């Protein structure tokens, strides 16, 4: 993750929530799938002392964590995103959160820092070395600590678009996004988890329908149809071609 990503999110910060998470019925659906999965996990956690949220975005997960944990560390590469997060949270929630401006890959955490939960959505895809990031977040977990991390799937349609990432017709914004995208294999990623002492508890498979289609849906009927398709896909081999997947794992 480099300075270009930081500049990109600084510029996008003021409109991120409106455009990316709330810009359409489709955007809201994709965001709700992530948040609802997260909410289903929280009651099952054994320990709720301290958590780490990597890439706070507009603070949607940090806000939830602040209401379930004694202390929350919220990290983002963008100072402007952190400012937006603070606007999204109330005073009581902010008092529980320590904000860190930094790049998770290069940030030097205090030697004794351990977290009961580490979560990150829509962030690991920008890392320069995803395997190293997995190793690092594993070291930061307490015994029986839980991590919930989202990854972009190398078997999805994105791998095809990635081949044409430098075509001018895609536009500079899409060119920059695709060039910063770190697509990963689920199979290979699970191996890295095992090598780093992580037990896989469950996997959430994202939508198989391309993001650029879902994000343009502004009709409740069609979103319900997409939701039905997603549930069917979950029960078939097609789930392995989803746009992204979320791995829920526990430190041994």
C-alpha atoms as a PDB file:
ATOM      1  CA  UNK A   1       0.000   0.000   0.000  1.00  0.00           C
ATOM      2  CA  UNK A   2       1.608   3.281  -1.068  1.00  0.00           C
ATOM      3  CA  UNK A   3       1.102   7.043  -1.012  1.00  0.00           C
ATOM      4  CA  UNK A   4      -1.156   6.895  -4.091  1.00  0.00           C
ATOM      5  CA  UNK A   5      -3.686   4.857  -2.092  1.00  0.00           C
ATOM      6  CA  UNK A   6      -3.453   7.326   0.778  1.00  0.00           C
ATOM      7  CA  UNK A   7      -4.086  10.263  -1.571  1.00  0.00           C
ATOM      8  CA  UNK A   8      -6.964   8.398  -3.215  1.00  0.00           C
ATOM      9  CA  UNK A   9      -8.780   7.791   0.068  1.00  0.00           C
ATOM     10  CA  UNK A  10      -8.072  11.293   1.354  1.00  0.00           C
ATOM     11  CA  UNK A  11      -9.920  12.602  -1.711  1.00  0.00           C
ATOM     12  CA  UNK A  12     -12.696   9.995  -1.476  1.00  0.00           C
ATOM     13  CA  UNK A  13     -13.242  10.352   2.284  1.00  0.00           C
ATOM     14  CA  UNK A  14     -16.005  12.968   2.236  1.00  0.00           C
ATOM     15  CA  UNK A  15     -18.120  11.012  -0.258  1.00  0.00           C
ATOM     16  CA  UNK A  16     -17.126   7.437   0.666  1.00  0.00           C
ATOM     17  CA  UNK A  17     -20.158   6.670   2.807  1.00  0.00           C
ATOM     18  CA  UNK A  18     -22.630   8.247   0.387  1.00  0.00           C
ATOM     19  CA  UNK A  19     -21.160   6.888  -2.847  1.00  0.00           C
ATOM     20  CA  UNK A  20     -19.609   3.559  -1.867  1.00  0.00           C
ATOM     21  CA  UNK A  21     -21.805   2.328   0.976  1.00  0.00           C
ATOM     22  CA  UNK A  22     -25.072   4.184   0.373  1.00  0.00           C
ATOM     23  CA  UNK A  23     -24.817   5.227  -3.256  1.00  0.00           C
ATOM     24  CA  UNK A  24     -27.473   2.789  -4.451  1.00  0.00           C
ATOM     25  CA  UNK A  25     -29.726   0.006  -3.220  1.00  0.00           C
ATOM     26  CA  UNK A  26     -27.041  -2.347  -4.531  1.00  0.00           C
ATOM     27  CA  UNK A  27     -24.262  -0.626  -2.558  1.00  0.00           C
ATOM     28  CA  UNK A  28     -26.330  -0.856   0.607  1.00  0.00           C
ATOM     29  CA  UNK A  29     -27.010  -4.534   0.001  1.00  0.00           C
ATOM     30  CA  UNK A  30     -23.298  -5.357  -0.356  1.00  0.00           C
ATOM     31  CA  UNK A  31     -22.465  -3.362   2.764  1.00  0.00           C
ATOM     32  CA  UNK A  32     -25.295  -4.953   4.755  1.00  0.00           C
ATOM     33  CA  UNK A  33     -24.076  -8.463   3.880  1.00  0.00           C
ATOM     34  CA  UNK A  34     -20.687  -7.614   5.406  1.00  0.00           C
ATOM     35  CA  UNK A  35     -22.098  -5.877   8.483  1.00  0.00           C
ATOM     36  CA  UNK A  36     -24.697  -8.567   9.193  1.00  0.00           C
ATOM     37  CA  UNK A  37     -22.042 -11.303   9.031  1.00  0.00           C
ATOM     38  CA  UNK A  38     -19.966  -9.256  11.474  1.00  0.00           C
ATOM     39  CA  UNK A  39     -22.909  -8.793  13.842  1.00  0.00           C
ATOM     40  CA  UNK A  40     -23.643 -12.524  13.860  1.00  0.00           C
ATOM     41  CA  UNK A  41     -20.098 -13.218  15.036  1.00  0.00           C
ATOM     42  CA  UNK A  42     -19.833 -10.720  17.902  1.00  0.00           C
ATOM     43  CA  UNK A  43     -22.103 -12.522  20.413  1.00  0.00           C
ATOM     44  CA  UNK A  44     -20.028 -15.696  19.990  1.00  0.00           C
ATOM     45  CA  UNK A  45     -16.686 -14.106  20.924  1.00  0.00           C
ATOM     46  CA  UNK A  46     -15.090 -15.460  24.082  1.00  0.00           C
ATOM     47  CA  UNK A  47     -13.144 -12.312  24.924  1.00  0.00           C
ATOM     48  CA  UNK A  48     -14.103  -8.693  24.350  1.00  0.00           C
ATOM     49  CA  UNK A  49     -11.297  -6.704  25.887  1.00  0.00           C
ATOM     50  CA  UNK A  50      -9.450  -5.087  22.974  1.00  0.00           C
ATOM     51  CA  UNK A  51      -9.960  -5.119  19.213  1.00  0.00           C
ATOM     52  CA  UNK A  52      -8.142  -3.813  16.141  1.00  0.00           C
ATOM     53  CA  UNK A  53      -9.981  -2.459  13.099  1.00  0.00           C
ATOM     54  CA  UNK A  54      -7.679  -2.201  10.066  1.00  0.00           C
ATOM     55  CA  UNK A  55      -8.883   0.374   7.533  1.00  0.00           C
ATOM     56  CA  UNK A  56     -11.706   2.161   9.330  1.00  0.00           C
ATOM     57  CA  UNK A  57     -13.325   3.634   6.209  1.00  0.00           C
ATOM     58  CA  UNK A  58     -16.238   5.633   7.536  1.00  0.00           C
ATOM     59  CA  UNK A  59     -16.133   3.809  10.882  1.00  0.00           C
ATOM     60  CA  UNK A  60     -19.022   1.397  10.376  1.00  0.00           C
ATOM     61  CA  UNK A  61     -17.183  -1.464  12.132  1.00  0.00           C
ATOM     62  CA  UNK A  62     -15.297   0.667  14.656  1.00  0.00           C
ATOM     63  CA  UNK A  63     -18.628   2.090  15.761  1.00  0.00           C
ATOM     64  CA  UNK A  64     -20.009  -1.395  16.387  1.00  0.00           C
ATOM     65  CA  UNK A  65     -16.829  -2.498  18.148  1.00  0.00           C
ATOM     66  CA  UNK A  66     -16.940   0.512  20.460  1.00  0.00           C
ATOM     67  CA  UNK A  67     -20.263  -0.785  21.760  1.00  0.00           C
ATOM     68  CA  UNK A  68     -18.957  -4.315  22.393  1.00  0.00           C
ATOM     69  CA  UNK A  69     -15.307  -3.954  23.458  1.00  0.00           C
ATOM     70  CA  UNK A  70     -13.557  -2.218  26.330  1.00  0.00           C
ATOM     71  CA  UNK A  71     -11.023  -0.695  23.954  1.00  0.00           C
ATOM     72  CA  UNK A  72     -10.791  -0.339  20.176  1.00  0.00           C
ATOM     73  CA  UNK A  73      -7.738   0.484  18.062  1.00  0.00           C
ATOM     74  CA  UNK A  74      -8.837   1.904  14.707  1.00  0.00           C
ATOM     75  CA  UNK A  75      -6.197   2.248  12.011  1.00  0.00           C
ATOM     76  CA  UNK A  76      -6.319   3.891   8.600  1.00  0.00           C
ATOM     77  CA  UNK A  77      -3.790   5.086   6.064  1.00  0.00           C
ATOM     78  CA  UNK A  78      -5.935   8.178   5.429  1.00  0.00           C
ATOM     79  CA  UNK A  79      -6.168  10.999   7.971  1.00  0.00           C
ATOM     80  CA  UNK A  80      -9.279  12.261   6.206  1.00  0.00           C
ATOM     81  CA  UNK A  81     -11.000   8.879   6.612  1.00  0.00           C
ATOM     82  CA  UNK A  82     -10.254   9.016  10.330  1.00  0.00           C
ATOM     83  CA  UNK A  83     -11.870  12.460  10.487  1.00  0.00           C
ATOM     84  CA  UNK A  84     -14.987  11.080   8.791  1.00  0.00           C
ATOM     85  CA  UNK A  85     -15.079   8.176  11.239  1.00  0.00           C
ATOM     86  CA  UNK A  86     -15.107  10.558  14.183  1.00  0.00           C
ATOM     87  CA  UNK A  87     -18.096  12.366  12.666  1.00  0.00           C
ATOM     88  CA  UNK A  88     -19.921   9.045  12.374  1.00  0.00           C
ATOM     89  CA  UNK A  89     -19.420   8.102  16.055  1.00  0.00           C
ATOM     90  CA  UNK A  90     -20.879   9.615  19.203  1.00  0.00           C
ATOM     91  CA  UNK A  91     -18.825  10.936  22.128  1.00  0.00           C
ATOM     92  CA  UNK A  92     -19.156   7.773  24.219  1.00  0.00           C
ATOM     93  CA  UNK A  93     -17.977   5.605  21.325  1.00  0.00           C
ATOM     94  CA  UNK A  94     -15.036   7.866  20.496  1.00  0.00           C
ATOM     95  CA  UNK A  95     -13.840   7.680  24.128  1.00  0.00           C
ATOM     96  CA  UNK A  96     -13.297   3.937  23.679  1.00  0.00           C
ATOM     97  CA  UNK A  97     -11.368   4.286  20.434  1.00  0.00           C
ATOM     98  CA  UNK A  98      -7.701   5.054  19.839  1.00  0.00           C
ATOM     99  CA  UNK A  99      -7.137   6.199  16.262  1.00  0.00           C
ATOM    100  CA  UNK A 100      -3.875   5.435  14.496  1.00  0.00           C
ATOM    101  CA  UNK A 101      -2.884   7.005  11.197  1.00  0.00           C
ATOM    102  CA  UNK A 102      -0.685   4.426   9.538  1.00  0.00           C
ATOM    103  CA  UNK A 103      -0.133   1.616   7.059  1.00  0.00           C
ATOM    104  CA  UNK A 104      -0.734  -1.758   8.717  1.00  0.00           C
ATOM    105  CA  UNK A 105       1.984  -3.413   6.637  1.00  0.00           C
ATOM    106  CA  UNK A 106       4.745  -1.102   7.853  1.00  0.00           C
ATOM    107  CA  UNK A 107       3.387   0.071  11.224  1.00  0.00           C
ATOM    108  CA  UNK A 108       5.424  -1.120  14.201  1.00  0.00           C
ATOM    109  CA  UNK A 109       3.038  -2.250  16.913  1.00  0.00           C
ATOM    110  CA  UNK A 110       4.309  -2.312  20.514  1.00  0.00           C
ATOM    111  CA  UNK A 111       5.900  -5.685  21.250  1.00  0.00           C
ATOM    112  CA  UNK A 112       3.310  -6.765  23.817  1.00  0.00           C
ATOM    113  CA  UNK A 113       0.208  -5.684  21.871  1.00  0.00           C
ATOM    114  CA  UNK A 114      -2.323  -8.515  21.513  1.00  0.00           C
ATOM    115  CA  UNK A 115      -5.912  -8.271  20.313  1.00  0.00           C
ATOM    116  CA  UNK A 116      -8.976 -10.413  20.994  1.00  0.00           C
ATOM    117  CA  UNK A 117     -10.435  -9.485  17.611  1.00  0.00           C
ATOM    118  CA  UNK A 118      -8.881  -8.157  14.410  1.00  0.00           C
ATOM    119  CA  UNK A 119     -11.172  -7.142  11.589  1.00  0.00           C
ATOM    120  CA  UNK A 120     -10.623  -5.694   8.136  1.00  0.00           C
ATOM    121  CA  UNK A 121     -12.999  -5.269   5.200  1.00  0.00           C
ATOM    122  CA  UNK A 122     -12.062  -3.973   1.733  1.00  0.00           C
ATOM    123  CA  UNK A 123      -8.471  -3.282   2.803  1.00  0.00           C
ATOM    124  CA  UNK A 124      -6.203  -6.330   2.415  1.00  0.00           C
ATOM    125  CA  UNK A 125      -6.763  -6.091  -1.333  1.00  0.00           C
ATOM    126  CA  UNK A 126      -4.489  -3.026  -1.378  1.00  0.00           C
ATOM    127  CA  UNK A 127      -1.547  -4.613   0.440  1.00  0.00           C
ATOM    128  CA  UNK A 128       1.776  -5.188  -1.288  1.00  0.00           C
ATOM    129  CA  UNK A 129       2.274  -8.562   0.389  1.00  0.00           C
ATOM    130  CA  UNK A 130      -0.953 -10.188   1.566  1.00  0.00           C
ATOM    131  CA  UNK A 131       0.785 -13.287   2.950  1.00  0.00           C
ATOM    132  CA  UNK A 132       3.022 -11.131   5.143  1.00  0.00           C
ATOM    133  CA  UNK A 133      -0.034  -9.180   6.312  1.00  0.00           C
ATOM    134  CA  UNK A 134      -1.720 -12.455   7.297  1.00  0.00           C
ATOM    135  CA  UNK A 135       1.369 -13.480   9.277  1.00  0.00           C
ATOM    136  CA  UNK A 136       1.502 -10.096  10.972  1.00  0.00           C
ATOM    137  CA  UNK A 137      -2.150 -10.051  11.998  1.00  0.00           C
ATOM    138  CA  UNK A 138      -1.801 -13.620  13.303  1.00  0.00           C
ATOM    139  CA  UNK A 139       1.088 -12.570  15.572  1.00  0.00           C
ATOM    140  CA  UNK A 140      -1.061  -9.756  16.958  1.00  0.00           C
ATOM    141  CA  UNK A 141      -3.907 -12.049  18.006  1.00  0.00           C
ATOM    142  CA  UNK A 142      -4.266 -13.252  21.579  1.00  0.00           C
ATOM    143  CA  UNK A 143      -4.724 -16.971  22.267  1.00  0.00           C
ATOM    144  CA  UNK A 144      -8.162 -17.976  20.925  1.00  0.00           C
ATOM    145  CA  UNK A 145      -8.384 -14.501  19.387  1.00  0.00           C
ATOM    146  CA  UNK A 146     -10.592 -14.109  16.313  1.00  0.00           C
ATOM    147  CA  UNK A 147      -9.897 -12.445  12.980  1.00  0.00           C
ATOM    148  CA  UNK A 148     -12.440 -11.477  10.335  1.00  0.00           C
ATOM    149  CA  UNK A 149     -10.657 -10.504   7.115  1.00  0.00           C
ATOM    150  CA  UNK A 150     -12.015  -9.923   3.600  1.00  0.00           C
ATOM    151  CA  UNK A 151     -10.030 -10.772   0.465  1.00  0.00           C
ATOM    152  CA  UNK A 152     -10.623 -10.244  -3.295  1.00  0.00           C
ATOM    153  CA  UNK A 153     -10.989 -13.575  -5.083  1.00  0.00           C
ATOM    154  CA  UNK A 154      -8.533 -14.357  -7.910  1.00  0.00           C
ATOM    155  CA  UNK A 155     -11.107 -16.741  -9.443  1.00  0.00           C
ATOM    156  CA  UNK A 156     -13.716 -14.023  -9.901  1.00  0.00           C
ATOM    157  CA  UNK A 157     -14.416 -11.837 -12.945  1.00  0.00           C
ATOM    158  CA  UNK A 158     -11.905  -9.349 -11.523  1.00  0.00           C
ATOM    159  CA  UNK A 159      -9.002 -11.503 -12.687  1.00  0.00           C
ATOM    160  CA  UNK A 160     -10.171 -11.047 -16.284  1.00  0.00           C
ATOM    161  CA  UNK A 161     -10.585  -7.283 -15.933  1.00  0.00           C
ATOM    162  CA  UNK A 162      -7.171  -7.124 -14.258  1.00  0.00           C
ATOM    163  CA  UNK A 163      -5.546  -8.287 -17.501  1.00  0.00           C
ATOM    164  CA  UNK A 164      -6.760  -5.063 -19.132  1.00  0.00           C
ATOM    165  CA  UNK A 165      -5.974  -2.831 -16.142  1.00  0.00           C
ATOM    166  CA  UNK A 166      -3.921  -0.315 -18.158  1.00  0.00           C
ATOM    167  CA  UNK A 167      -6.370   0.291 -20.986  1.00  0.00           C
ATOM    168  CA  UNK A 168      -7.207   4.037 -21.202  1.00  0.00           C
ATOM    169  CA  UNK A 169     -10.859   3.205 -21.933  1.00  0.00           C
ATOM    170  CA  UNK A 170     -11.303   2.106 -18.302  1.00  0.00           C
ATOM    171  CA  UNK A 171     -10.447   5.564 -17.044  1.00  0.00           C
ATOM    172  CA  UNK A 172      -7.599   6.703 -14.794  1.00  0.00           C
ATOM    173  CA  UNK A 173      -9.493   5.965 -11.567  1.00  0.00           C
ATOM    174  CA  UNK A 174     -10.192   2.362 -12.574  1.00  0.00           C
ATOM    175  CA  UNK A 175      -6.639   1.952 -13.920  1.00  0.00           C
ATOM    176  CA  UNK A 176      -5.212   3.020 -10.550  1.00  0.00           C
ATOM    177  CA  UNK A 177      -7.621   0.796  -8.636  1.00  0.00           C
ATOM    178  CA  UNK A 178      -6.859  -2.310 -10.704  1.00  0.00           C
ATOM    179  CA  UNK A 179      -3.102  -1.731 -10.544  1.00  0.00           C
ATOM    180  CA  UNK A 180      -3.289  -1.609  -6.750  1.00  0.00           C
ATOM    181  CA  UNK A 181      -5.496  -4.707  -6.503  1.00  0.00           C
ATOM    182  CA  UNK A 182      -3.975  -7.803  -4.860  1.00  0.00           C
ATOM    183  CA  UNK A 183      -6.178 -10.721  -5.940  1.00  0.00           C
ATOM    184  CA  UNK A 184      -5.670 -13.876  -3.885  1.00  0.00           C
ATOM    185  CA  UNK A 185      -6.498 -17.562  -4.137  1.00  0.00           C
ATOM    186  CA  UNK A 186      -8.755 -18.958  -1.418  1.00  0.00           C
ATOM    187  CA  UNK A 187      -6.894 -22.275  -1.454  1.00  0.00           C
ATOM    188  CA  UNK A 188      -3.481 -20.634  -1.098  1.00  0.00           C
ATOM    189  CA  UNK A 189      -4.748 -18.207   1.538  1.00  0.00           C
ATOM    190  CA  UNK A 190      -6.092 -21.030   3.691  1.00  0.00           C
ATOM    191  CA  UNK A 191      -2.654 -22.655   3.563  1.00  0.00           C
ATOM    192  CA  UNK A 192      -1.056 -19.427   4.828  1.00  0.00           C
ATOM    193  CA  UNK A 193      -3.577 -19.317   7.679  1.00  0.00           C
ATOM    194  CA  UNK A 194      -2.685 -22.872   8.665  1.00  0.00           C
ATOM    195  CA  UNK A 195       1.032 -22.073   8.531  1.00  0.00           C
ATOM    196  CA  UNK A 196       0.438 -19.179  10.919  1.00  0.00           C
ATOM    197  CA  UNK A 197      -1.457 -21.171  13.525  1.00  0.00           C
ATOM    198  CA  UNK A 198      -4.985 -20.160  12.550  1.00  0.00           C
ATOM    199  CA  UNK A 199      -8.037 -22.413  12.624  1.00  0.00           C
ATOM    200  CA  UNK A 200     -10.682 -21.601  10.009  1.00  0.00           C
ATOM    201  CA  UNK A 201     -14.103 -21.307  11.644  1.00  0.00           C
ATOM    202  CA  UNK A 202     -16.175 -20.214   8.642  1.00  0.00           C
ATOM    203  CA  UNK A 203     -16.024 -18.482   5.256  1.00  0.00           C
ATOM    204  CA  UNK A 204     -18.455 -15.925   3.871  1.00  0.00           C
ATOM    205  CA  UNK A 205     -18.581 -16.014   0.082  1.00  0.00           C
ATOM    206  CA  UNK A 206     -19.441 -12.695  -1.554  1.00  0.00           C
ATOM    207  CA  UNK A 207     -21.745 -12.054  -4.482  1.00  0.00           C
ATOM    208  CA  UNK A 208     -20.909 -13.824  -7.733  1.00  0.00           C
ATOM    209  CA  UNK A 209     -22.658 -11.088  -9.708  1.00  0.00           C
ATOM    210  CA  UNK A 210     -20.060  -8.420 -10.641  1.00  0.00           C
ATOM    211  CA  UNK A 211     -19.831  -5.389  -8.382  1.00  0.00           C
ATOM    212  CA  UNK A 212     -20.254  -2.931 -11.261  1.00  0.00           C
ATOM    213  CA  UNK A 213     -23.669  -4.520 -11.902  1.00  0.00           C
ATOM    214  CA  UNK A 214     -24.865  -4.822  -8.290  1.00  0.00           C
ATOM    215  CA  UNK A 215     -23.728  -1.283  -7.450  1.00  0.00           C
ATOM    216  CA  UNK A 216     -25.920   0.113 -10.218  1.00  0.00           C
ATOM    217  CA  UNK A 217     -29.083  -1.612  -9.005  1.00  0.00           C
ATOM    218  CA  UNK A 218     -31.527   0.864  -7.514  1.00  0.00           C
ATOM    219  CA  UNK A 219     -34.580  -1.332  -7.410  1.00  0.00           C
ATOM    220  CA  UNK A 220     -35.648  -3.347  -4.361  1.00  0.00           C
ATOM    221  CA  UNK A 221     -37.116  -6.154  -6.440  1.00  0.00           C
ATOM    222  CA  UNK A 222     -33.855  -6.780  -8.297  1.00  0.00           C
ATOM    223  CA  UNK A 223     -31.832  -6.618  -5.081  1.00  0.00           C
ATOM    224  CA  UNK A 224     -34.108  -9.254  -3.553  1.00  0.00           C
ATOM    225  CA  UNK A 225     -33.523 -11.347  -6.663  1.00  0.00           C
ATOM    226  CA  UNK A 226     -29.758 -10.948  -6.264  1.00  0.00           C
ATOM    227  CA  UNK A 227     -30.109 -11.939  -2.624  1.00  0.00           C
ATOM    228  CA  UNK A 228     -31.904 -15.143  -3.633  1.00  0.00           C
ATOM    229  CA  UNK A 229     -29.190 -15.902  -6.208  1.00  0.00           C
ATOM    230  CA  UNK A 230     -26.522 -15.396  -3.547  1.00  0.00           C
ATOM    231  CA  UNK A 231     -28.216 -17.882  -1.228  1.00  0.00           C
ATOM    232  CA  UNK A 232     -28.409 -20.445  -4.033  1.00  0.00           C
ATOM    233  CA  UNK A 233     -24.767 -19.864  -4.961  1.00  0.00           C
ATOM    234  CA  UNK A 234     -23.752 -20.540  -1.352  1.00  0.00           C
ATOM    235  CA  UNK A 235     -24.923 -24.137  -1.849  1.00  0.00           C
ATOM    236  CA  UNK A 236     -23.128 -24.755  -5.146  1.00  0.00           C
ATOM    237  CA  UNK A 237     -19.606 -24.863  -6.564  1.00  0.00           C
ATOM    238  CA  UNK A 238     -20.260 -21.405  -8.084  1.00  0.00           C
ATOM    239  CA  UNK A 239     -19.500 -19.821  -4.722  1.00  0.00           C
ATOM    240  CA  UNK A 240     -15.801 -20.346  -5.468  1.00  0.00           C
ATOM    241  CA  UNK A 241     -16.103 -17.710  -8.213  1.00  0.00           C
ATOM    242  CA  UNK A 242     -17.454 -15.020  -5.875  1.00  0.00           C
ATOM    243  CA  UNK A 243     -16.058 -11.492  -6.031  1.00  0.00           C
ATOM    244  CA  UNK A 244     -14.553 -11.722  -2.551  1.00  0.00           C
ATOM    245  CA  UNK A 245     -14.555 -13.922   0.529  1.00  0.00           C
ATOM    246  CA  UNK A 246     -14.354 -13.269   4.249  1.00  0.00           C
ATOM    247  CA  UNK A 247     -12.377 -15.649   6.432  1.00  0.00           C
ATOM    248  CA  UNK A 248     -13.333 -16.058  10.075  1.00  0.00           C
ATOM    249  CA  UNK A 249     -10.422 -17.688  11.905  1.00  0.00           C
ATOM    250  CA  UNK A 250      -9.273 -18.370  15.458  1.00  0.00           C
ATOM    251  CA  UNK A 251      -5.708 -18.288  16.759  1.00  0.00           C
ATOM    252  CA  UNK A 252      -4.636 -21.692  18.102  1.00  0.00           C
END
